[in-house]
Structure formats: C-alpha cells, structure tokens
C-alpha atoms as a PDB file:
ATOM      1  CA  MET A   1       4.644 -38.986   9.892  1.00  0.00           C
ATOM      2  CA  SER A   2       5.491 -38.388  13.571  1.00  0.00           C
ATOM      3  CA  ASP A   3       2.985 -36.272  15.627  1.00  0.00           C
ATOM      4  CA  LEU A   4       5.958 -33.608  15.055  1.00  0.00           C
ATOM      5  CA  ALA A   5       6.448 -33.342  11.567  1.00  0.00           C
ATOM      6  CA  ARG A   6       2.720 -32.905  11.279  1.00  0.00           C
ATOM      7  CA  ARG A   7       2.165 -29.919  13.077  1.00  0.00           C
ATOM      8  CA  VAL A   8       5.311 -28.163  11.465  1.00  0.00           C
ATOM      9  CA  ARG A   9       3.591 -29.090   8.368  1.00  0.00           C
ATOM     10  CA  GLN A  10       0.194 -27.638   9.507  1.00  0.00           C
ATOM     11  CA  PHE A  11       1.884 -24.799  10.523  1.00  0.00           C
ATOM     12  CA  ASN A  12       4.177 -24.267   7.445  1.00  0.00           C
ATOM     13  CA  MET A  13       0.427 -24.302   5.663  1.00  0.00           C
ATOM     14  CA  LEU A  14      -1.537 -21.908   7.842  1.00  0.00           C
ATOM     15  CA  PHE A  15       2.237 -19.030   8.352  1.00  0.00           C
ATOM     16  CA  ALA A  16       3.518 -19.738   5.138  1.00  0.00           C
ATOM     17  CA  PRO A  17       2.927 -17.297   2.287  1.00  0.00           C
ATOM     18  CA  PRO A  18       0.763 -19.086  -0.968  1.00  0.00           C
ATOM     19  CA  PRO A  19       2.974 -20.092  -3.919  1.00  0.00           C
ATOM     20  CA  GLN A  20       1.966 -16.612  -6.147  1.00  0.00           C
ATOM     21  CA  LEU A  21       3.441 -14.373  -3.621  1.00  0.00           C
ATOM     22  CA  ARG A  22       6.393 -16.123  -2.877  1.00  0.00           C
ATOM     23  CA  ARG A  23      10.224 -14.383  -4.521  1.00  0.00           C
ATOM     24  CA  GLN A  24      10.611 -16.584  -7.951  1.00  0.00           C
ATOM     25  CA  HIS A  25      14.347 -14.896  -7.008  1.00  0.00           C
ATOM     26  CA  GLU A  26      17.448 -14.098  -4.785  1.00  0.00           C
ATOM     27  CA  ARG A  27      16.546 -10.090  -3.809  1.00  0.00           C
ATOM     28  CA  PHE A  28      20.190  -8.285  -2.348  1.00  0.00           C
ATOM     29  CA  GLU A  29      20.652  -5.319  -0.900  1.00  0.00           C
ATOM     30  CA  VAL A  30      22.416  -3.097  -3.385  1.00  0.00           C
ATOM     31  CA  SER A  31      22.912   0.663  -3.359  1.00  0.00           C
ATOM     32  CA  VAL A  32      23.131   2.808  -6.676  1.00  0.00           C
ATOM     33  CA  GLU A  33      22.639   5.300  -8.473  1.00  0.00           C
ATOM     34  CA  ILE A  34      20.319   4.790 -11.547  1.00  0.00           C
ATOM     35  CA  GLU A  35      18.675   6.624 -14.356  1.00  0.00           C
ATOM     36  CA  ILE A  36      14.983   5.497 -14.809  1.00  0.00           C
ATOM     37  CA  GLU A  37      13.632   7.553 -17.896  1.00  0.00           C
ATOM     38  CA  THR A  38       9.315   7.303 -18.271  1.00  0.00           C
ATOM     39  CA  ALA A  39       7.238   6.912 -21.355  1.00  0.00           C
ATOM     40  CA  ASP A  40       6.783  10.698 -21.496  1.00  0.00           C
ATOM     41  CA  GLY A  41      10.859  10.807 -21.604  1.00  0.00           C
ATOM     42  CA  THR A  42      11.282  12.492 -18.244  1.00  0.00           C
ATOM     43  CA  ILE A  43      14.515  11.032 -16.532  1.00  0.00           C
ATOM     44  CA  SER A  44      14.705  10.161 -12.736  1.00  0.00           C
ATOM     45  CA  ARG A  45      17.852   9.835 -10.867  1.00  0.00           C
ATOM     46  CA  CYS A  46      17.084   7.372  -8.609  1.00  0.00           C
ATOM     47  CA  ARG A  47      18.818   4.914  -5.676  1.00  0.00           C
ATOM     48  CA  THR A  48      18.722   1.031  -5.737  1.00  0.00           C
ATOM     49  CA  ILE A  49      17.491  -0.479  -2.007  1.00  0.00           C
ATOM     50  CA  ASP A  50      17.403  -3.981  -3.411  1.00  0.00           C
ATOM     51  CA  ILE A  51      17.680  -6.058  -6.997  1.00  0.00           C
ATOM     52  CA  SER A  52      16.459  -9.426  -8.230  1.00  0.00           C
ATOM     53  CA  ASN A  53      16.632 -11.354 -11.560  1.00  0.00           C
ATOM     54  CA  GLY A  54      13.105 -10.406 -11.807  1.00  0.00           C
ATOM     55  CA  GLY A  55      12.867  -6.488 -10.745  1.00  0.00           C
ATOM     56  CA  VAL A  56      14.254  -3.784  -8.765  1.00  0.00           C
ATOM     57  CA  PHE A  57      12.851  -1.268  -5.769  1.00  0.00           C
ATOM     58  CA  VAL A  58      14.409   2.219  -5.797  1.00  0.00           C
ATOM     59  CA  GLU A  59      13.927   5.373  -4.686  1.00  0.00           C
ATOM     60  CA  PRO A  60      12.710   7.823  -4.257  1.00  0.00           C
ATOM     61  CA  PRO A  61       8.548   7.160  -6.005  1.00  0.00           C
ATOM     62  CA  LEU A  62       8.842   7.391  -9.727  1.00  0.00           C
ATOM     63  CA  PRO A  63       6.355   9.992 -11.771  1.00  0.00           C
ATOM     64  CA  ALA A  64       5.303   6.831 -13.322  1.00  0.00           C
ATOM     65  CA  GLU A  65       1.478   5.120 -12.374  1.00  0.00           C
ATOM     66  CA  VAL A  66       1.373   1.463 -11.841  1.00  0.00           C
ATOM     67  CA  GLY A  67       1.626  -0.377 -14.598  1.00  0.00           C
ATOM     68  CA  ASP A  68       3.288   2.294 -16.991  1.00  0.00           C
ATOM     69  CA  ARG A  69       6.636   0.847 -19.066  1.00  0.00           C
ATOM     70  CA  ILE A  70      10.225   2.446 -18.035  1.00  0.00           C
ATOM     71  CA  TYR A  71      13.488   2.373 -19.171  1.00  0.00           C
ATOM     72  CA  ILE A  72      16.663   2.055 -16.675  1.00  0.00           C
ATOM     73  CA  SER A  73      19.965   2.462 -17.404  1.00  0.00           C
ATOM     74  CA  VAL A  74      23.119   2.314 -15.758  1.00  0.00           C
ATOM     75  CA  GLY A  75      26.599   4.440 -17.098  1.00  0.00           C
ATOM     76  CA  MET A  76      27.578   4.011 -20.886  1.00  0.00           C
ATOM     77  CA  LEU A  77      27.255   0.489 -20.994  1.00  0.00           C
ATOM     78  CA  LEU A  78      23.531  -1.386 -20.114  1.00  0.00           C
ATOM     79  CA  ARG A  79      20.900   1.309 -21.223  1.00  0.00           C
ATOM     80  CA  ARG A  80      17.061   1.110 -21.538  1.00  0.00           C
ATOM     81  CA  VAL A  81      16.196  -1.607 -19.668  1.00  0.00           C
ATOM     82  CA  GLU A  82      13.324  -2.162 -20.158  1.00  0.00           C
ATOM     83  CA  GLY A  83      10.251  -2.377 -16.962  1.00  0.00           C
ATOM     84  CA  GLU A  84       6.594  -2.074 -15.754  1.00  0.00           C
ATOM     85  CA  VAL A  85       5.863  -0.131 -12.234  1.00  0.00           C
ATOM     86  CA  LEU A  86       4.284  -2.568 -10.319  1.00  0.00           C
ATOM     87  CA  ALA A  87       3.811  -0.280  -7.167  1.00  0.00           C
ATOM     88  CA  HIS A  88       4.842   2.669  -4.667  1.00  0.00           C
ATOM     89  CA  ARG A  89       5.209   2.037  -0.950  1.00  0.00           C
ATOM     90  CA  GLY A  90       7.667   2.965   1.705  1.00  0.00           C
ATOM     91  CA  GLY A  91       8.707   6.232  -0.091  1.00  0.00           C
ATOM     92  CA  GLY A  92      10.231   3.938  -3.652  1.00  0.00           C
ATOM     93  CA  SER A  93       8.949   2.484  -6.134  1.00  0.00           C
ATOM     94  CA  ALA A  94       8.798  -1.426  -7.492  1.00  0.00           C
ATOM     95  CA  ILE A  95       9.452  -2.480 -10.957  1.00  0.00           C
ATOM     96  CA  ARG A  96       9.547  -5.255 -12.641  1.00  0.00           C
ATOM     97  CA  PHE A  97      11.739  -5.882 -15.629  1.00  0.00           C
ATOM     98  CA  ALA A  98      10.140  -7.047 -18.710  1.00  0.00           C
ATOM     99  CA  SER A  99      13.097  -9.614 -19.106  1.00  0.00           C
ATOM    100  CA  ALA A 100      14.462 -11.971 -16.359  1.00  0.00           C
ATOM    101  CA  ALA A 101      17.726 -12.153 -18.137  1.00  0.00           C
ATOM    102  CA  HIS A 102      17.948  -8.694 -18.638  1.00  0.00           C
ATOM    103  CA  GLY A 103      17.397  -8.697 -15.318  1.00  0.00           C
ATOM    104  CA  ALA A 104      20.286 -10.665 -14.543  1.00  0.00           C
ATOM    105  CA  ALA A 105      22.651  -8.435 -16.429  1.00  0.00           C
ATOM    106  CA  LEU A 106      21.953  -5.260 -14.417  1.00  0.00           C
ATOM    107  CA  THR A 107      21.669  -7.648 -11.064  1.00  0.00           C
ATOM    108  CA  ALA A 108      25.085  -8.822 -12.262  1.00  0.00           C
ATOM    109  CA  TRP A 109      26.534  -5.131 -13.511  1.00  0.00           C
ATOM    110  CA  LEU A 110      24.636  -3.424 -10.660  1.00  0.00           C
ATOM    111  CA  LEU A 111      26.281  -6.257  -8.010  1.00  0.00           C
ATOM    112  CA  ASP A 112      30.127  -5.037  -9.636  1.00  0.00           C
ATOM    113  CA  GLN A 113      29.450  -1.726  -9.204  1.00  0.00           C
ATOM    114  CA  SER A 114      28.210  -1.597  -5.385  1.00  0.00           C
ATOM    115  CA  ARG A 115      31.230  -3.989  -4.707  1.00  0.00           C
ATOM    116  CA  ARG A 116      33.877  -1.689  -6.446  1.00  0.00           C
ATOM    117  CA  LYS A 117      32.731   1.406  -4.320  1.00  0.00           C
ATOM    118  CA  VAL A 118      33.077  -0.527  -1.331  1.00  0.00           C
ATOM    119  CA  ASN A 119      36.603  -2.518  -2.212  1.00  0.00           C
END
C-alpha cells in the first residue's frame, strides 16, 4: 500500500461517521404539504424538508413525543403511512417510517408531486 493510500485510509477511519450513523437511504429535498396524525387523533399540517425510503423530516415540530407512533397522509391516495417520531431539532421533527416499502411509496409519490408543481 502506498503512503498516500495509507494516509487516506487513516483519514477516513478518523473522520468518517461510524456505520451506525451513516444513512441507509438516499435523501431528497422535497417541499410538499402533508398531514400527520398523532396517536391521540391530533392532525397537523406540515411541510416536508427532505425524505428517503427510511424517513422524512418535517416542519414545524410535531405535537408528539420522541418514540410516539404517527400516521402520514398525502392527498386521497396515500393514507395513514405509519411512522415513529425520532427527534425534534432545528424547528422540525424527524420521522422514521415503520416500513421501508411504505417509505418508498411515499417518497415516490412526494417526488412526483413536487416535480408536477415545478413543471
């Protein structure tokens, strides 16, 4: 191994995030209005900031505790996609989808909707 390759490897070991902190899914910046229902039935209108098959970040922060189950709805076709509140930070809330398959469907739908608004 060359000296440069060894140094690059050392650098990556020091500064790359550990595997448990790396994102598993590609994120997309999408700004679309959605509805989120909390376990007690409260419905909040939020705007997506970014989304992936694994989760979504929304603003403003949800009226729910970290760990609470929530349900995301978009329009009349995608109703009650289940998720969990992971964190509240920076004026919003991070949500993890209960199912990557449902997350993929919601991601595809929201990307399509955001493209339609631009075109």
